[in-house]
Amino acid sequence: MTIAPLGLLLDIDGPIASPLTRTIVQPSIPGDLVKLVAAGVPIAFITGRSDTFVREQVVVPLMAAGLADALAGGGRMFVVCEKGAVWFTMGAQGAGPVEVDNTVALPQYFADEIRRVVDERFADTMFFDNTKRAMVSVEQRHEVDAAVFQQQQPLYNEAAFEALVEHGLGARYGDREVPNAAGDVPYRIDPTIISSDVESVTLDKDRGAERALSYFVEHGEVPHTWRSVGDSRSDYKMADYLYAAGYDVAHVDVRPADGLLERPYRVIVEGDLIHDEAGAAFLSYWVRKLGL
């Protein structure tokens, strides 16, 4: 297959899946992604989501849109979950076997305690994500207003921080750090607009980008030009990695109201569009530009 002059690293929540429904609701997105893969564009999803979420909410609609044929014809797609701790390949049969870096996983006893804390104190506004394999995550309940969740989220974050400290695991939350007995701070609490993740400090979008790019390099040629797309400040790290590796890169920020970051590469916004509407516009632009 001829390699297209473009590669994509895509966050899921925001540019692909609606942050309200947490599903793909923009009708053009599945078909445009399939067209790009079929045209030789290597595409990786780099997300904090679990592999279960990606398979159910992203892989299913893509396969329904014809992804199997695009991959059978030589297209490439790769999925990095939990910011680099979990990953799987995509083939004509769908998602491949899940691989996990257990060296960055939180202890099971900590996950069990957080599940208990959520059940006892925060069950009205959030739920424990049972599908995570390395992180420990909670998410805003779908029926709960965002403002209500955001009132409770800092209280949960404090409870999670206290649990990390009490277990001597070493923790970072905001500008506070409490090291473990070895003097290390291996875990942090990372709040998002719909969730809070307790995760290894080694996990982030640049680690996910490195894993995805390594996969593409091992399995064929890669383009020199790349675009990363995301809705949070940490998503810029995908482009940071590509830029440092010598690629021509620009980052598309689909939630610019949080403030555009200054970078040595170009930062793109889709006019007044945000979230998945901006993501849909971006993908449609490249479908037209490549004449697909």
Protein backbone atom coordinates (compact mmCIF):
# COMPACT_ATOMS: atom_id res chain seq x y z
CA MET A 1 0.00 0.00 0.00
CA THR A 2 1.20 3.53 -0.79
CA ILE A 3 1.80 5.48 2.40
CA ALA A 4 -0.17 8.73 2.52
CA PRO A 5 1.72 11.95 3.31
CA LEU A 6 0.16 12.13 6.76
CA GLY A 7 -0.02 10.28 10.08
CA LEU A 8 -2.51 10.89 12.90
CA LEU A 9 -2.36 10.55 16.68
CA LEU A 10 -5.85 11.05 18.10
CA ASP A 11 -7.20 11.44 21.59
CA ILE A 12 -10.68 9.89 21.87
CA ASP A 13 -12.70 11.85 24.44
CA GLY A 14 -13.32 15.25 22.88
CA PRO A 15 -12.18 15.04 19.26
CA ILE A 16 -13.72 11.64 18.44
CA ALA A 17 -16.26 10.78 21.15
CA SER A 18 -18.63 13.38 22.56
CA PRO A 19 -17.74 14.35 26.14
CA LEU A 20 -21.49 14.41 26.83
CA THR A 21 -22.58 11.02 25.49
CA ARG A 22 -19.07 9.45 25.49
CA THR A 23 -19.91 7.87 22.15
CA ILE A 24 -19.24 8.81 18.54
CA VAL A 25 -22.19 10.98 17.54
CA GLN A 26 -20.79 12.97 14.60
CA PRO A 27 -21.95 10.88 11.62
CA SER A 28 -18.96 11.70 9.41
CA ILE A 29 -16.27 10.53 11.84
CA PRO A 30 -16.35 6.72 11.35
CA GLY A 31 -16.47 6.92 7.56
CA ASP A 32 -13.74 9.55 7.35
CA LEU A 33 -11.44 7.54 9.63
CA VAL A 34 -11.97 4.48 7.46
CA LYS A 35 -11.27 6.45 4.28
CA LEU A 36 -8.02 7.77 5.74
CA VAL A 37 -6.86 4.32 6.85
CA ALA A 38 -7.71 2.89 3.43
CA ALA A 39 -5.64 5.67 1.83
CA GLY A 40 -2.56 4.65 3.81
CA VAL A 41 -2.75 7.13 6.69
CA PRO A 42 -1.39 5.42 9.83
CA ILE A 43 -3.77 6.27 12.68
CA ALA A 44 -3.24 5.69 16.39
CA PHE A 45 -5.64 6.44 19.18
CA ILE A 46 -3.78 7.67 22.28
CA THR A 47 -6.21 7.73 25.18
CA GLY A 48 -6.54 7.41 28.91
CA ARG A 49 -9.58 5.22 28.32
CA SER A 50 -9.63 1.48 28.89
CA ASP A 51 -9.35 -1.07 26.10
CA THR A 52 -12.91 -2.16 26.87
CA PHE A 53 -14.23 1.35 26.25
CA VAL A 54 -12.31 1.68 22.98
CA ARG A 55 -13.46 -1.69 21.67
CA GLU A 56 -17.11 -0.98 22.50
CA GLN A 57 -17.39 2.71 21.66
CA VAL A 58 -14.84 3.16 18.86
CA VAL A 59 -13.93 -0.16 17.26
CA VAL A 60 -17.54 -1.30 16.81
CA PRO A 61 -18.69 1.76 14.80
CA LEU A 62 -15.45 1.76 12.78
CA MET A 63 -15.88 -1.88 11.84
CA ALA A 64 -19.48 -1.12 10.87
CA ALA A 65 -18.15 1.66 8.61
CA GLY A 66 -15.83 -0.71 6.73
CA LEU A 67 -12.60 -0.65 8.72
CA ALA A 68 -12.02 -4.39 8.19
CA ASP A 69 -11.61 -3.92 4.43
CA ALA A 70 -9.33 -0.92 4.92
CA LEU A 71 -7.07 -2.91 7.24
CA ALA A 72 -7.17 -6.01 5.04
CA GLY A 73 -5.96 -3.82 2.19
CA GLY A 74 -2.84 -2.80 4.11
CA GLY A 75 -4.08 0.07 6.26
CA ARG A 76 -2.67 0.47 9.75
CA MET A 77 -4.34 1.37 13.03
CA PHE A 78 -2.98 1.07 16.56
CA VAL A 79 -4.57 1.75 19.94
CA VAL A 80 -2.82 2.91 23.12
CA CYS A 81 -4.98 2.96 26.24
CA GLU A 82 -4.41 4.20 29.78
CA LYS A 83 -1.78 6.64 28.44
CA GLY A 84 0.65 3.93 27.44
CA ALA A 85 0.05 1.18 30.00
CA VAL A 86 -2.24 -0.86 27.72
CA TRP A 87 -2.22 -1.33 23.94
CA PHE A 88 -3.48 -3.48 21.10
CA THR A 89 -3.25 -3.69 17.34
CA MET A 90 -6.13 -3.53 14.89
CA GLY A 91 -6.63 -6.01 12.07
CA ALA A 92 -9.29 -7.13 9.64
CA GLN A 93 -10.86 -9.22 12.42
CA GLY A 94 -11.00 -6.24 14.77
CA ALA A 95 -9.06 -5.63 17.97
CA GLY A 96 -6.07 -7.87 18.60
CA PRO A 97 -4.85 -9.25 21.94
CA VAL A 98 -4.48 -6.71 24.74
CA GLU A 99 -1.00 -6.14 26.14
CA VAL A 100 -0.41 -4.59 29.57
CA ASP A 101 2.67 -3.07 31.20
CA ASN A 102 2.08 -4.39 34.71
CA THR A 103 5.13 -2.54 36.05
CA VAL A 104 3.08 0.67 36.14
CA ALA A 105 -0.14 -0.78 37.56
CA LEU A 106 -1.41 0.30 40.96
CA PRO A 107 -1.79 -2.40 43.63
CA GLN A 108 -5.10 -4.24 43.70
CA TYR A 109 -5.65 -3.38 47.36
CA PHE A 110 -5.57 0.31 46.49
CA ALA A 111 -8.13 -0.18 43.71
CA ASP A 112 -10.34 -2.08 46.14
CA GLU A 113 -10.16 0.75 48.67
CA ILE A 114 -11.03 3.40 46.09
CA ARG A 115 -13.99 1.33 44.93
CA ARG A 116 -15.21 1.23 48.56
CA VAL A 117 -14.69 4.99 48.98
CA VAL A 118 -16.69 5.73 45.85
CA ASP A 119 -19.50 3.39 46.89
CA GLU A 120 -19.72 4.91 50.36
CA ARG A 121 -19.20 8.61 49.64
CA PHE A 122 -19.46 9.51 45.97
CA ALA A 123 -21.81 7.02 44.32
CA ASP A 124 -24.39 9.73 43.56
CA THR A 125 -22.05 11.62 41.24
CA MET A 126 -19.41 9.18 39.96
CA PHE A 127 -18.70 5.52 39.36
CA PHE A 128 -15.62 3.32 39.69
CA ASP A 129 -14.26 2.23 36.30
CA ASN A 130 -13.97 -1.54 36.55
CA THR A 131 -12.39 -1.83 33.10
CA LYS A 132 -9.04 -0.19 33.87
CA ARG A 133 -6.05 -2.55 34.04
CA ALA A 134 -3.29 -0.24 35.33
CA MET A 135 -4.89 3.03 36.41
CA VAL A 136 -7.52 3.50 39.11
CA SER A 137 -10.22 5.74 37.68
CA VAL A 138 -13.60 7.21 38.52
CA GLU A 139 -15.95 8.88 36.06
CA GLN A 140 -18.87 11.27 36.17
CA ARG A 141 -22.19 9.44 36.10
CA HIS A 142 -23.92 10.01 32.77
CA GLU A 143 -27.11 11.34 34.35
CA VAL A 144 -25.27 13.83 36.59
CA ASP A 145 -24.80 17.45 35.56
CA ALA A 146 -21.18 18.42 34.96
CA ALA A 147 -21.34 21.23 37.50
CA VAL A 148 -22.47 18.80 40.22
CA PHE A 149 -19.67 16.39 39.39
CA GLN A 150 -17.09 19.18 39.41
CA GLN A 151 -18.19 20.17 42.92
CA GLN A 152 -17.57 16.65 44.21
CA GLN A 153 -14.46 15.89 42.16
CA PRO A 154 -11.98 17.81 44.39
CA LEU A 155 -13.35 15.99 47.44
CA TYR A 156 -12.79 12.66 45.76
CA ASN A 157 -9.31 13.71 44.65
CA GLU A 158 -8.43 14.54 48.26
CA ALA A 159 -9.73 11.16 49.40
CA ALA A 160 -7.65 9.37 46.77
CA PHE A 161 -4.56 11.39 47.70
CA GLU A 162 -5.04 10.53 51.37
CA ALA A 163 -5.39 6.84 50.51
CA LEU A 164 -2.16 6.88 48.52
CA VAL A 165 -0.36 8.55 51.42
CA GLU A 166 -1.83 6.23 54.05
CA HIS A 167 -0.66 3.19 52.11
CA GLY A 168 2.81 4.70 51.74
CA LEU A 169 2.65 4.53 47.97
CA GLY A 170 3.94 8.04 47.25
CA ALA A 171 1.62 10.57 45.70
CA ARG A 172 1.37 13.83 43.76
CA TYR A 173 -1.76 15.96 43.53
CA GLY A 174 -1.50 19.49 42.20
CA ASP A 175 1.51 21.10 43.81
CA ARG A 176 1.63 18.64 46.72
CA GLU A 177 3.90 15.63 46.89
CA VAL A 178 4.37 12.98 49.57
CA PRO A 179 7.14 10.48 48.78
CA ASN A 180 7.14 6.83 49.75
CA ALA A 181 9.70 5.23 52.07
CA ALA A 182 12.22 5.09 49.24
CA GLY A 183 11.85 8.82 48.63
CA ASP A 184 10.00 8.32 45.36
CA VAL A 185 6.67 9.72 44.14
CA PRO A 186 5.51 7.07 41.66
CA TYR A 187 1.80 7.99 41.40
CA ARG A 188 -0.26 11.09 40.69
CA ILE A 189 -3.90 12.13 40.57
CA ASP A 190 -4.89 13.54 37.19
CA PRO A 191 -8.36 15.16 37.00
CA THR A 192 -10.12 15.60 33.65
CA ILE A 193 -13.45 17.23 32.82
CA ILE A 194 -15.33 13.93 33.29
CA SER A 195 -13.02 11.77 35.42
CA SER A 196 -10.13 11.48 37.84
CA ASP A 197 -7.29 9.04 37.23
CA VAL A 198 -4.78 7.73 39.73
CA GLU A 199 -1.85 6.69 37.58
CA SER A 200 1.88 6.12 37.36
CA VAL A 201 3.82 9.34 36.84
CA THR A 202 5.54 7.60 33.91
CA LEU A 203 2.29 7.46 31.94
CA ASP A 204 1.28 10.28 29.63
CA LYS A 205 0.43 11.07 26.05
CA ASP A 206 4.09 11.30 24.99
CA ARG A 207 4.65 7.74 26.20
CA GLY A 208 1.61 6.67 24.22
CA ALA A 209 2.91 8.49 21.14
CA GLU A 210 6.28 6.76 21.47
CA ARG A 211 4.63 3.35 21.66
CA ALA A 212 2.42 4.04 18.65
CA LEU A 213 5.19 5.43 16.49
CA SER A 214 7.44 2.49 17.37
CA TYR A 215 4.72 0.13 16.17
CA PHE A 216 4.29 1.96 12.87
CA VAL A 217 8.06 2.10 12.25
CA GLU A 218 8.35 -1.64 12.89
CA HIS A 219 5.58 -2.39 10.42
CA GLY A 220 6.48 -0.26 7.42
CA GLU A 221 7.25 3.24 6.28
CA VAL A 222 5.95 6.23 8.14
CA PRO A 223 5.18 9.71 6.80
CA HIS A 224 7.21 12.74 7.79
CA THR A 225 4.12 14.88 8.43
CA TRP A 226 1.90 14.21 11.44
CA ARG A 227 -1.06 15.79 13.20
CA SER A 228 -2.08 15.16 16.79
CA VAL A 229 -5.57 16.03 18.01
CA GLY A 230 -6.81 16.43 21.57
CA ASP A 231 -8.88 18.44 24.04
CA SER A 232 -6.54 18.79 27.03
CA ARG A 233 -3.19 20.36 27.73
CA SER A 234 -1.57 16.95 28.17
CA ASP A 235 -2.54 16.05 24.61
CA TYR A 236 0.11 18.47 23.35
CA LYS A 237 2.64 15.90 24.55
CA MET A 238 1.81 13.73 21.55
CA ALA A 239 3.05 16.50 19.28
CA ASP A 240 5.94 17.25 21.65
CA TYR A 241 7.22 13.71 21.16
CA LEU A 242 6.87 13.82 17.38
CA TYR A 243 8.58 17.21 17.19
CA ALA A 244 11.49 16.03 19.34
CA ALA A 245 11.80 12.95 17.12
CA GLY A 246 12.28 15.20 14.08
CA TYR A 247 8.89 14.96 12.41
CA ASP A 248 6.92 17.79 10.84
CA VAL A 249 4.01 18.10 13.25
CA ALA A 250 1.12 20.36 14.20
CA HIS A 251 -1.34 19.93 17.04
CA VAL A 252 -5.09 20.46 16.77
CA ASP A 253 -6.63 21.76 20.01
CA VAL A 254 -10.38 21.09 20.08
CA ARG A 255 -10.91 22.79 23.45
CA PRO A 256 -8.94 26.04 23.04
CA ALA A 257 -10.92 27.83 25.77
CA ASP A 258 -8.54 26.26 28.28
CA GLY A 259 -5.76 28.28 26.68
CA LEU A 260 -3.54 27.49 23.74
CA LEU A 261 -0.02 26.45 24.70
CA GLU A 262 3.00 28.06 23.10
CA ARG A 263 4.95 25.47 21.14
CA PRO A 264 7.69 25.49 18.48
CA TYR A 265 5.25 23.79 16.11
CA ARG A 266 1.94 25.04 14.75
CA VAL A 267 -1.19 24.84 16.94
CA ILE A 268 -4.46 24.63 15.01
CA VAL A 269 -8.05 25.36 16.01
CA GLU A 270 -11.13 24.62 13.93
CA GLY A 271 -12.66 28.10 14.02
CA ASP A 272 -15.45 28.27 16.60
CA LEU A 273 -15.96 24.51 16.61
CA ILE A 274 -15.01 22.49 19.70
CA HIS A 275 -14.86 18.89 20.86
CA ASP A 276 -16.10 16.24 18.41
CA GLU A 277 -17.52 18.85 16.02
CA ALA A 278 -13.99 20.20 15.64
CA GLY A 279 -12.64 16.66 15.34
CA ALA A 280 -15.13 15.88 12.60
CA ALA A 281 -14.21 19.05 10.71
CA PHE A 282 -10.51 18.22 10.94
CA LEU A 283 -10.95 14.70 9.59
CA SER A 284 -13.23 15.88 6.79
CA TYR A 285 -10.65 18.49 5.78
CA TRP A 286 -8.01 15.81 5.28
CA VAL A 287 -10.40 13.53 3.42
CA ARG A 288 -10.99 16.38 0.96
CA LYS A 289 -7.34 17.40 0.86
CA LEU A 290 -6.24 13.86 -0.03
CA GLY A 291 -9.03 13.58 -2.60
CA LEU A 292 -10.73 10.62 -0.95
